[in-house]
Protein backbone atom coordinates (compact mmCIF):
# COMPACT_ATOMS: atom_id res chain seq x y z
CA MET A 1 85.67 93.05 77.37
CA ARG A 2 88.33 90.40 76.95
CA ARG A 3 91.79 91.67 76.10
CA PHE A 4 94.75 90.14 74.26
CA ALA A 5 98.27 91.26 73.41
CA PHE A 6 100.67 90.26 70.68
CA ILE A 7 104.45 90.55 70.90
CA ILE A 8 106.14 91.88 67.75
CA HIS A 9 109.71 92.92 66.97
CA PRO A 10 111.58 94.64 64.11
CA LEU A 11 112.80 92.09 61.59
CA THR A 12 115.65 94.37 60.50
CA VAL A 13 117.15 97.75 61.39
CA ALA A 14 115.18 99.14 58.43
CA ASP A 15 111.99 98.41 60.38
CA VAL A 16 113.31 100.44 63.29
CA ALA A 17 114.01 103.29 60.87
CA ARG A 18 110.36 103.29 59.79
CA LYS A 19 109.45 104.37 63.31
CA PHE A 20 112.51 106.60 63.82
CA PRO A 21 113.63 107.87 60.35
CA TRP A 22 116.84 109.45 61.62
CA ILE A 23 118.16 105.98 62.49
CA ARG A 24 118.76 105.19 58.82
CA TYR A 25 121.82 107.46 58.91
CA LEU A 26 123.51 105.37 61.61
CA PRO A 27 125.54 102.18 61.12
CA GLU A 28 123.51 99.05 61.87
CA PRO A 29 125.80 97.82 64.69
CA ILE A 30 125.27 101.10 66.54
CA VAL A 31 121.51 100.90 66.10
CA GLU A 32 121.42 97.32 67.34
CA GLY A 33 123.61 98.27 70.28
CA VAL A 34 121.07 100.91 71.28
CA THR A 35 117.95 98.81 70.70
CA ARG A 36 119.45 95.99 72.77
CA CYS A 37 119.14 98.23 75.83
CA LEU A 38 115.68 99.65 75.12
CA PRO A 39 112.65 98.52 77.11
CA PRO A 40 109.61 97.04 75.35
CA ILE A 41 107.09 99.60 74.15
CA ARG A 42 103.36 99.67 73.53
CA ALA A 43 103.33 99.89 69.74
CA SER A 44 99.58 100.31 69.32
CA TYR A 45 96.12 99.81 70.76
CA ILE A 46 93.91 97.43 68.74
CA GLN A 47 90.16 97.95 68.73
CA GLY A 48 87.11 96.93 66.72
CA VAL A 49 87.81 93.17 66.61
CA ARG A 50 84.19 92.06 66.59
CA SER A 51 82.41 88.83 65.64
CA PRO A 52 78.75 87.81 66.05
CA TYR A 53 79.81 86.30 69.38
CA GLY A 54 81.54 89.24 71.01
CA GLU A 55 84.23 91.89 70.85
CA VAL A 56 87.81 92.08 72.12
CA ASP A 57 90.56 94.64 72.20
CA GLY A 58 94.29 94.38 72.60
CA PHE A 59 97.78 95.73 72.12
CA PHE A 60 100.84 95.22 69.98
CA ILE A 61 103.86 95.20 72.28
CA ALA A 62 107.23 95.70 70.58
CA CYS A 63 110.32 93.88 71.78
CA PRO A 64 113.15 96.03 70.35
CA LEU A 65 115.46 93.21 69.16
CA THR A 66 115.88 92.48 65.44
CA ALA A 67 115.76 88.97 63.99
CA ARG A 68 119.54 88.92 63.68
CA GLN A 69 119.93 89.90 67.33
CA MET A 70 117.56 87.18 68.43
CA LEU A 71 119.77 84.62 66.71
CA ALA A 72 123.13 86.11 67.70
CA LEU A 73 122.66 87.32 71.28
CA PRO A 74 122.83 84.94 74.25
CA GLU A 75 119.55 83.10 74.60
CA THR A 76 119.11 84.31 78.18
CA THR A 77 119.39 87.93 77.03
CA VAL A 78 116.76 87.45 74.33
CA LEU A 79 114.38 85.56 76.59
CA ARG A 80 114.69 88.27 79.23
CA GLN A 81 113.63 90.91 76.70
CA ILE A 82 110.70 88.82 75.49
CA GLU A 83 109.58 88.20 79.05
CA ARG A 84 109.74 91.93 79.79
CA ALA A 85 107.48 92.55 76.78
CA CYS A 86 105.02 89.94 78.06
CA TRP A 87 104.93 91.47 81.53
CA LYS A 88 104.16 94.83 79.94
CA ALA A 89 101.23 93.16 78.22
CA VAL A 90 100.07 91.74 81.55
CA ASP A 91 100.30 95.19 83.11
CA LEU A 92 98.05 96.49 80.33
CA GLY A 93 95.42 93.90 81.17
CA ALA A 94 96.07 91.21 78.56
CA GLN A 95 94.39 87.90 79.38
CA ILE A 96 96.21 85.99 76.63
CA ILE A 97 99.48 86.78 74.83
CA GLY A 98 100.58 85.83 71.32
CA LEU A 99 104.24 85.49 70.37
CA GLY A 100 105.19 86.77 66.92
CA ALA A 101 108.07 86.05 64.52
CA PHE A 102 111.28 85.09 66.33
CA THR A 103 109.78 85.57 69.80
CA SER A 104 107.91 82.30 69.17
CA ILE A 105 110.99 80.18 68.42
CA VAL A 106 113.66 81.33 70.88
CA GLY A 107 114.42 78.84 73.62
CA ASP A 108 111.73 76.18 73.97
CA ALA A 109 109.17 78.05 71.86
CA GLY A 110 107.30 79.61 74.75
CA LEU A 111 107.00 76.67 77.17
CA SER A 112 109.22 78.12 79.89
CA LEU A 113 107.81 81.57 79.34
CA ALA A 114 104.27 80.31 79.90
CA LYS A 115 105.30 78.95 83.30
CA GLU A 116 106.57 82.37 84.39
CA LEU A 117 103.50 84.37 83.38
CA PRO A 118 100.08 84.62 85.05
CA VAL A 119 98.30 84.45 81.66
CA PRO A 120 98.45 81.88 78.83
CA VAL A 121 100.73 82.23 75.81
CA THR A 122 100.30 81.01 72.24
CA THR A 123 102.57 81.16 69.20
CA GLY A 124 99.68 81.24 66.73
CA ASN A 125 101.38 78.53 64.71
CA SER A 126 98.34 76.26 64.42
CA TYR A 127 96.36 78.87 62.51
CA THR A 128 99.46 79.81 60.51
CA VAL A 129 99.67 76.21 59.30
CA ALA A 130 95.95 76.07 58.48
CA THR A 131 95.98 79.26 56.41
CA ALA A 132 99.31 78.60 54.71
CA LEU A 133 98.14 75.23 53.41
CA GLU A 134 94.76 76.67 52.43
CA ALA A 135 96.53 79.41 50.46
CA THR A 136 98.81 76.85 48.79
CA ARG A 137 95.90 74.61 47.79
CA ARG A 138 93.89 77.55 46.46
CA LYS A 139 96.72 79.00 44.41
CA ALA A 140 97.74 75.58 43.06
CA ALA A 141 94.17 75.03 41.88
CA MET A 142 94.18 78.48 40.20
CA MET A 143 97.35 77.47 38.35
CA GLY A 144 95.97 74.09 37.32
CA CYS A 145 98.54 72.33 39.49
CA ASP A 146 97.45 68.97 40.93
CA LEU A 147 99.07 68.74 44.37
CA ALA A 148 98.66 64.99 44.37
CA LYS A 149 100.97 64.68 41.37
CA ALA A 150 103.19 67.73 41.92
CA SER A 151 106.73 67.65 43.26
CA VAL A 152 106.37 69.38 46.66
CA VAL A 153 109.28 70.64 48.77
CA VAL A 154 109.15 71.91 52.36
CA VAL A 155 112.10 74.14 53.30
CA GLY A 156 112.69 74.23 57.05
CA ALA A 157 110.79 70.98 57.43
CA THR A 158 111.94 70.08 60.93
CA GLY A 159 110.76 73.25 62.68
CA SER A 160 107.43 73.26 64.51
CA VAL A 161 105.51 74.75 61.56
CA GLY A 162 107.53 72.89 58.95
CA ALA A 163 107.02 69.49 60.56
CA ILE A 164 103.24 69.72 60.82
CA CYS A 165 103.04 71.17 57.27
CA SER A 166 105.11 68.23 56.04
CA ARG A 167 102.95 65.68 57.83
CA LEU A 168 99.75 67.24 56.45
CA LEU A 169 101.10 67.57 52.91
CA ALA A 170 102.16 63.92 53.00
CA ARG A 171 98.45 63.09 53.02
CA GLU A 172 97.90 65.08 49.81
CA THR A 173 100.89 64.49 47.55
CA GLN A 174 102.79 61.52 46.19
CA HIS A 175 106.11 63.35 45.82
CA LEU A 176 107.37 65.15 48.92
CA THR A 177 110.90 66.30 49.71
CA LEU A 178 111.93 67.65 53.11
CA VAL A 179 114.79 70.13 53.47
CA ALA A 180 116.50 71.12 56.72
CA ARG A 181 120.00 71.54 58.12
CA LYS A 182 120.17 68.55 60.47
CA PRO A 183 120.02 65.10 58.82
CA ASP A 184 119.11 63.24 62.02
CA ARG A 185 115.99 65.34 62.57
CA LEU A 186 115.05 64.97 58.90
CA HIS A 187 115.27 61.19 59.07
CA ARG A 188 113.18 61.06 62.25
CA LEU A 189 110.49 63.15 60.60
CA ALA A 190 110.60 61.02 57.45
CA TYR A 191 110.16 57.86 59.53
CA ARG A 192 107.21 59.40 61.34
CA ILE A 193 105.55 60.35 58.05
CA LEU A 194 106.13 56.84 56.67
CA HIS A 195 104.48 55.38 59.77
CA GLU A 196 101.52 57.81 59.58
CA THR A 197 100.82 57.81 55.84
CA GLY A 198 102.87 55.11 54.16
CA LEU A 199 104.59 57.75 52.01
CA ALA A 200 108.36 57.44 51.65
CA VAL A 201 109.50 61.05 51.48
CA LYS A 202 112.87 62.27 50.28
CA VAL A 203 115.13 64.16 52.68
CA THR A 204 118.10 66.41 51.96
CA THR A 205 120.19 69.19 53.44
CA ASN A 206 120.86 70.55 49.93
CA MET A 207 118.09 73.10 49.38
CA VAL A 208 119.37 74.27 45.98
CA GLU A 209 119.32 70.74 44.60
CA ALA A 210 115.83 70.10 45.96
CA LEU A 211 114.31 73.30 44.56
CA LYS A 212 115.39 72.82 40.97
CA ASP A 213 112.66 70.20 40.36
CA ALA A 214 110.01 71.55 42.77
CA ASP A 215 106.59 72.44 41.40
CA VAL A 216 105.39 73.66 44.81
CA VAL A 217 107.55 75.01 47.63
CA VAL A 218 106.43 75.72 51.19
CA ALA A 219 109.13 77.83 52.85
CA VAL A 220 109.07 77.86 56.66
CA SER A 221 112.69 78.27 57.76
CA SER A 222 113.89 80.40 60.67
CA ALA A 223 116.67 82.08 58.70
CA ALA A 224 117.48 85.71 59.48
CA ASP A 225 117.87 86.54 55.77
CA ALA A 226 116.37 85.41 52.46
CA ILE A 227 117.65 82.01 51.38
CA ILE A 228 115.67 81.27 48.18
CA GLU A 229 117.14 83.05 45.16
CA PRO A 230 115.60 83.27 41.68
CA GLU A 231 118.14 80.96 40.06
CA TYR A 232 117.17 78.10 42.40
CA LEU A 233 113.54 77.82 41.28
CA LYS A 234 111.95 75.69 38.60
CA GLN A 235 110.11 77.34 35.69
CA GLY A 236 106.54 78.12 36.73
CA ALA A 237 107.00 77.10 40.36
CA LEU A 238 104.60 78.09 43.14
CA VAL A 239 106.20 79.23 46.42
CA CYS A 240 104.26 79.80 49.63
CA ASP A 241 106.53 81.83 51.91
CA VAL A 242 105.42 81.34 55.50
CA ALA A 243 108.66 82.53 57.10
CA ARG A 244 109.16 85.91 58.79
CA PRO A 245 111.62 87.33 57.79
CA ARG A 246 110.82 86.06 54.32
CA ASP A 247 112.71 83.09 52.91
CA VAL A 248 112.22 84.28 49.33
CA SER A 249 114.63 86.92 48.03
CA LYS A 250 113.00 90.07 46.69
CA ARG A 251 115.07 89.48 43.53
CA VAL A 252 112.51 86.81 42.62
CA ALA A 253 109.90 89.53 42.02
CA LEU A 254 112.08 91.12 39.33
CA GLU A 255 113.98 88.25 37.79
CA ARG A 256 111.43 85.41 37.79
CA PRO A 257 108.02 86.60 36.57
CA ASP A 258 107.15 82.97 35.83
CA VAL A 259 107.32 82.07 39.53
CA ARG A 260 104.27 82.68 41.73
CA VAL A 261 105.19 83.69 45.28
CA ILE A 262 102.41 83.95 47.85
CA GLU A 263 102.58 84.89 51.50
CA GLY A 264 101.40 82.21 53.86
CA GLY A 265 98.87 83.04 56.50
CA VAL A 266 97.38 86.50 55.93
CA VAL A 267 93.78 86.88 57.07
CA LYS A 268 90.97 89.41 57.30
CA VAL A 269 89.80 90.22 60.83
CA PRO A 270 86.03 90.63 61.41
CA GLY A 271 84.65 93.99 62.52
CA GLU A 272 85.71 97.57 61.90
CA VAL A 273 89.26 96.96 63.03
CA ASN A 274 91.79 99.64 63.83
CA LEU A 275 95.17 98.00 64.39
CA GLY A 276 96.98 101.27 65.00
CA PHE A 277 99.92 99.77 63.14
CA ASN A 278 100.81 99.36 59.46
CA PHE A 279 102.15 95.98 58.37
CA GLY A 280 101.80 96.87 54.70
CA PHE A 281 98.50 95.00 54.39
CA PRO A 282 95.01 96.28 53.58
CA PRO A 283 93.12 97.66 56.60
CA GLY A 284 91.95 95.02 59.06
CA THR A 285 94.33 92.38 57.75
CA VAL A 286 96.87 90.55 59.91
CA TYR A 287 99.14 87.55 59.98
CA ALA A 288 97.43 84.31 60.99
CA CYS A 289 99.57 83.99 64.13
CA MET A 290 98.14 87.31 65.32
CA ALA A 291 94.65 86.22 64.35
CA GLU A 292 94.93 83.04 66.43
CA THR A 293 95.38 85.14 69.57
CA MET A 294 92.34 87.23 68.65
CA ILE A 295 90.25 84.13 67.92
CA LEU A 296 91.08 82.56 71.27
CA ALA A 297 90.19 85.81 73.06
CA LEU A 298 86.85 86.02 71.23
CA GLU A 299 86.10 82.40 72.06
CA GLY A 300 87.08 82.87 75.71
CA ARG A 301 89.70 80.14 75.31
CA MET A 302 92.40 81.61 77.55
CA GLU A 303 94.86 78.75 77.15
CA CYS A 304 98.26 77.90 75.73
CA PHE A 305 96.80 76.69 72.44
CA SER A 306 99.93 76.48 70.23
CA LEU A 307 103.14 76.18 72.20
CA GLY A 308 106.44 74.35 72.04
CA ARG A 309 108.03 72.47 69.16
CA GLU A 310 105.16 70.04 68.63
CA LEU A 311 101.96 71.04 66.84
CA PHE A 312 98.94 68.78 66.51
CA PHE A 313 96.50 67.94 63.72
CA ASP A 314 93.45 68.43 65.92
CA ARG A 315 94.56 71.92 66.98
CA VAL A 316 95.10 72.98 63.36
CA GLU A 317 91.61 71.76 62.48
CA GLU A 318 90.01 73.25 65.60
CA ILE A 319 91.44 76.75 65.20
CA SER A 320 90.42 76.72 61.54
CA LEU A 321 86.82 75.96 62.56
CA LEU A 322 86.87 78.62 65.28
CA ALA A 323 88.19 81.15 62.77
CA LYS A 324 85.29 80.49 60.43
CA LYS A 325 82.83 80.69 63.34
CA HIS A 326 84.06 84.18 64.23
CA GLY A 327 84.36 85.44 60.65
CA PHE A 328 88.11 85.32 60.05
CA ALA A 329 88.97 84.45 56.47
CA LEU A 330 91.99 84.02 54.26
CA THR A 331 92.32 87.27 52.39
CA GLY A 332 93.28 87.47 48.71
CA LEU A 333 96.48 85.60 47.91
CA ARG A 334 99.42 87.95 48.28
CA GLY A 335 103.05 88.11 47.18
CA PHE A 336 105.57 90.67 48.42
CA GLN A 337 102.75 92.52 50.23
CA ARG A 338 100.61 92.80 47.07
CA SER A 339 97.59 90.81 45.96
CA VAL A 340 98.76 88.31 43.37
CA THR A 341 95.71 89.08 41.25
CA GLU A 342 97.06 92.63 40.84
CA TRP A 343 100.48 91.81 39.41
CA ASP A 344 101.40 92.27 35.78
CA VAL A 345 104.47 90.17 35.02
CA GLY A 346 105.26 92.29 31.99
CA GLU A 347 105.52 95.55 33.90
CA GLU A 348 108.91 96.86 34.98
CA LEU A 349 108.90 96.98 38.78
CA ASN A 350 110.91 98.76 41.44
CA VAL A 351 111.25 95.99 44.00
CA ASP A 352 112.13 98.39 46.80
CA ASN A 353 108.77 100.08 46.23
CA ILE A 354 106.96 96.73 46.18
CA LEU A 355 108.11 96.15 49.73
CA GLN A 356 106.76 99.48 51.00
CA PRO A 357 103.22 99.76 52.40
CA GLY A 358 102.33 102.72 50.20
CA TYR A 359 103.03 101.04 46.86
CA ASN A 360 99.92 101.56 44.71
CA THR A 361 100.77 100.54 41.16
CA LYS A 362 98.01 98.29 39.77
CA LEU A 363 99.44 95.00 38.62
CA LYS A 364 97.93 91.83 37.24
CA ILE A 365 99.32 88.30 36.95
CA ALA A 366 98.56 86.23 33.89
CA GLU A 367 97.49 82.89 35.27
């Protein structure tokens, strides 16, 4: 049986406390000081990933650094920890390794890491792009929003996921604005899109200004904390939050019931899957980046499929076709870890509960 592994890490100290409850009583700097020195651990054994063409198993391997640590610590320190996690995966028999969350963006986005390892590495970003845009199109259609005429904004447009999302969306909309921190990279991307599609996109480093008129927002930044607050968003806007940690503040769930927030890239895995780990999703449901690693293992494509800062149209299309072949499918559109068809915008919500896996209140959104 082919075997894969996927590298995960705690987004915040609160995630560490879910595994070790006593940690919540300690100051965050102390916790991060301890986790910095911890070795990678085998978080769970994954079994039951089965398609009509075969079956694979795998592991989640946890690198103990939080998102904030991955941004703040010396790059060499972070890369060393990620590499240690990958070698643990190799020792467990993994034939392909997926990089999750911030492990996929540190350094050169896996290129150097792939050269050091005896097995291929993928970030899963191609399938993330495919499912995020599929979710955005589907939800926009449900809302009666014509993407071709809508004002579309991509936040974090110059990252690897953001750039390919921007280039694909430029084929579908007449009004596209790109937001990122570095003007030179924004202008290079805008020129590339003009050359590819003939569309003259707008570029800005002022996210707040861009969001006020946005009908559709695709958020793909690499920020360590939420950057999109409720007061920034247009009435009735649709936001697809692809970022991990999330770009959208949890305040949006309480203060802006008119805004539809969906998670980008959450899919159902074929088979009777036991992940051995709770991400707050329904059973057998994972992020698309994780699913890409599983798909490649099922297909026997042990290769560095999505790696580095550049993603490609053909890879996005190919992994989407392979996913359908093996029975992976975009699961119900979700916002703040709940199906958006279950939300009731008139109900008073406890947003802290919304973010917990055990939250069961039945909710329904009025479309």
